[in-house]
Amino acid sequence: MEAFITLAIGVWQIVVVVLLVLLLFGGRKIPELMRGIGQGMKEFKKATAEDVDDEVVDDTEEPKKVKDGKE
């Protein structure tokens, strides 16, 4: 529990991170960066959903009978 307390993010840490982002990228670039991150997340979700749809189980085949440990 002590490790969690030392790793907790406080208000001042968030303020410092926001100020650093503003200084590095400027106020005009931040919406473009957020838009790019959102599009990337949407593409990732779409790709993972397509991957799940591709894994269709074929139930039409009957299982092979095993006789004496040989197929």
C-alpha atoms as a PDB file:
ATOM      1  CA  MET A   1       0.000   0.000   0.000  1.00  0.00           C
ATOM      2  CA  GLU A   2       2.895   2.346   0.699  1.00  0.00           C
ATOM      3  CA  ALA A   3       4.189   1.923  -2.861  1.00  0.00           C
ATOM      4  CA  PHE A   4       0.804   3.007  -4.240  1.00  0.00           C
ATOM      5  CA  ILE A   5       0.855   6.150  -2.117  1.00  0.00           C
ATOM      6  CA  THR A   6       4.302   7.134  -3.364  1.00  0.00           C
ATOM      7  CA  LEU A   7       3.246   6.557  -7.005  1.00  0.00           C
ATOM      8  CA  ALA A   8      -0.034   8.464  -6.738  1.00  0.00           C
ATOM      9  CA  ILE A   9      -0.329  11.471  -9.032  1.00  0.00           C
ATOM     10  CA  GLY A  10      -1.235  14.686  -7.273  1.00  0.00           C
ATOM     11  CA  VAL A  11      -2.704  17.945  -8.493  1.00  0.00           C
ATOM     12  CA  TRP A  12       0.681  19.653  -8.756  1.00  0.00           C
ATOM     13  CA  GLN A  13       2.106  16.873 -10.900  1.00  0.00           C
ATOM     14  CA  ILE A  14      -0.827  17.184 -13.313  1.00  0.00           C
ATOM     15  CA  VAL A  15      -0.374  20.975 -13.466  1.00  0.00           C
ATOM     16  CA  VAL A  16       3.344  20.589 -14.232  1.00  0.00           C
ATOM     17  CA  VAL A  17       2.644  18.057 -17.010  1.00  0.00           C
ATOM     18  CA  VAL A  18      -0.013  20.301 -18.585  1.00  0.00           C
ATOM     19  CA  LEU A  19       2.334  23.295 -18.485  1.00  0.00           C
ATOM     20  CA  LEU A  20       5.141  21.276 -20.066  1.00  0.00           C
ATOM     21  CA  VAL A  21       2.844  20.113 -22.863  1.00  0.00           C
ATOM     22  CA  LEU A  22       1.738  23.706 -23.485  1.00  0.00           C
ATOM     23  CA  LEU A  23       5.339  24.888 -23.588  1.00  0.00           C
ATOM     24  CA  LEU A  24       6.507  22.105 -25.893  1.00  0.00           C
ATOM     25  CA  PHE A  25       3.655  22.051 -28.395  1.00  0.00           C
ATOM     26  CA  GLY A  26       1.856  25.364 -28.004  1.00  0.00           C
ATOM     27  CA  GLY A  27      -1.884  25.962 -27.752  1.00  0.00           C
ATOM     28  CA  ARG A  28      -2.589  25.578 -31.466  1.00  0.00           C
ATOM     29  CA  LYS A  29      -0.965  22.174 -31.902  1.00  0.00           C
ATOM     30  CA  ILE A  30      -2.701  20.445 -28.974  1.00  0.00           C
ATOM     31  CA  PRO A  31      -6.098  19.987 -30.731  1.00  0.00           C
ATOM     32  CA  GLU A  32      -4.297  18.485 -33.731  1.00  0.00           C
ATOM     33  CA  LEU A  33      -2.383  16.104 -31.463  1.00  0.00           C
ATOM     34  CA  MET A  34      -5.555  15.040 -29.648  1.00  0.00           C
ATOM     35  CA  ARG A  35      -7.351  14.509 -32.970  1.00  0.00           C
ATOM     36  CA  GLY A  36      -4.487  12.308 -34.156  1.00  0.00           C
ATOM     37  CA  ILE A  37      -4.561  10.286 -30.945  1.00  0.00           C
ATOM     38  CA  GLY A  38      -8.330   9.816 -31.272  1.00  0.00           C
ATOM     39  CA  GLN A  39      -8.044   8.654 -34.877  1.00  0.00           C
ATOM     40  CA  GLY A  40      -5.286   6.248 -33.900  1.00  0.00           C
ATOM     41  CA  MET A  41      -7.413   4.768 -31.122  1.00  0.00           C
ATOM     42  CA  LYS A  42     -10.360   4.400 -33.511  1.00  0.00           C
ATOM     43  CA  GLU A  43      -8.181   2.596 -36.065  1.00  0.00           C
ATOM     44  CA  PHE A  44      -6.797   0.311 -33.340  1.00  0.00           C
ATOM     45  CA  LYS A  45     -10.283  -0.609 -32.109  1.00  0.00           C
ATOM     46  CA  LYS A  46     -11.431  -1.226 -35.686  1.00  0.00           C
ATOM     47  CA  ALA A  47      -8.446  -3.490 -36.365  1.00  0.00           C
ATOM     48  CA  THR A  48      -8.946  -5.505 -33.200  1.00  0.00           C
ATOM     49  CA  ALA A  49     -12.667  -5.900 -33.940  1.00  0.00           C
ATOM     50  CA  GLU A  50     -11.866  -7.157 -37.459  1.00  0.00           C
ATOM     51  CA  ASP A  51      -9.316  -9.575 -36.015  1.00  0.00           C
ATOM     52  CA  VAL A  52     -11.932 -11.070 -33.685  1.00  0.00           C
ATOM     53  CA  ASP A  53     -14.420 -11.393 -36.564  1.00  0.00           C
ATOM     54  CA  ASP A  54     -11.846 -13.293 -38.649  1.00  0.00           C
ATOM     55  CA  GLU A  55     -11.495 -16.021 -36.038  1.00  0.00           C
ATOM     56  CA  VAL A  56     -14.621 -17.988 -36.909  1.00  0.00           C
ATOM     57  CA  VAL A  57     -14.790 -21.560 -35.663  1.00  0.00           C
ATOM     58  CA  ASP A  58     -15.663 -24.151 -38.318  1.00  0.00           C
ATOM     59  CA  ASP A  59     -18.174 -26.520 -36.683  1.00  0.00           C
ATOM     60  CA  THR A  60     -18.963 -28.437 -39.877  1.00  0.00           C
ATOM     61  CA  GLU A  61     -16.065 -30.873 -39.555  1.00  0.00           C
ATOM     62  CA  GLU A  62     -16.622 -33.932 -37.440  1.00  0.00           C
ATOM     63  CA  PRO A  63     -13.885 -34.765 -34.965  1.00  0.00           C
ATOM     64  CA  LYS A  64     -11.564 -37.577 -36.012  1.00  0.00           C
ATOM     65  CA  LYS A  65     -11.846 -40.780 -34.062  1.00  0.00           C
ATOM     66  CA  VAL A  66      -8.728 -41.801 -32.241  1.00  0.00           C
ATOM     67  CA  LYS A  67      -7.963 -45.496 -32.188  1.00  0.00           C
ATOM     68  CA  ASP A  68      -5.088 -46.850 -30.101  1.00  0.00           C
ATOM     69  CA  GLY A  69      -3.534 -43.400 -29.817  1.00  0.00           C
ATOM     70  CA  LYS A  70      -3.192 -43.045 -33.597  1.00  0.00           C
ATOM     71  CA  GLU A  71      -5.200 -40.850 -35.906  1.00  0.00           C
END
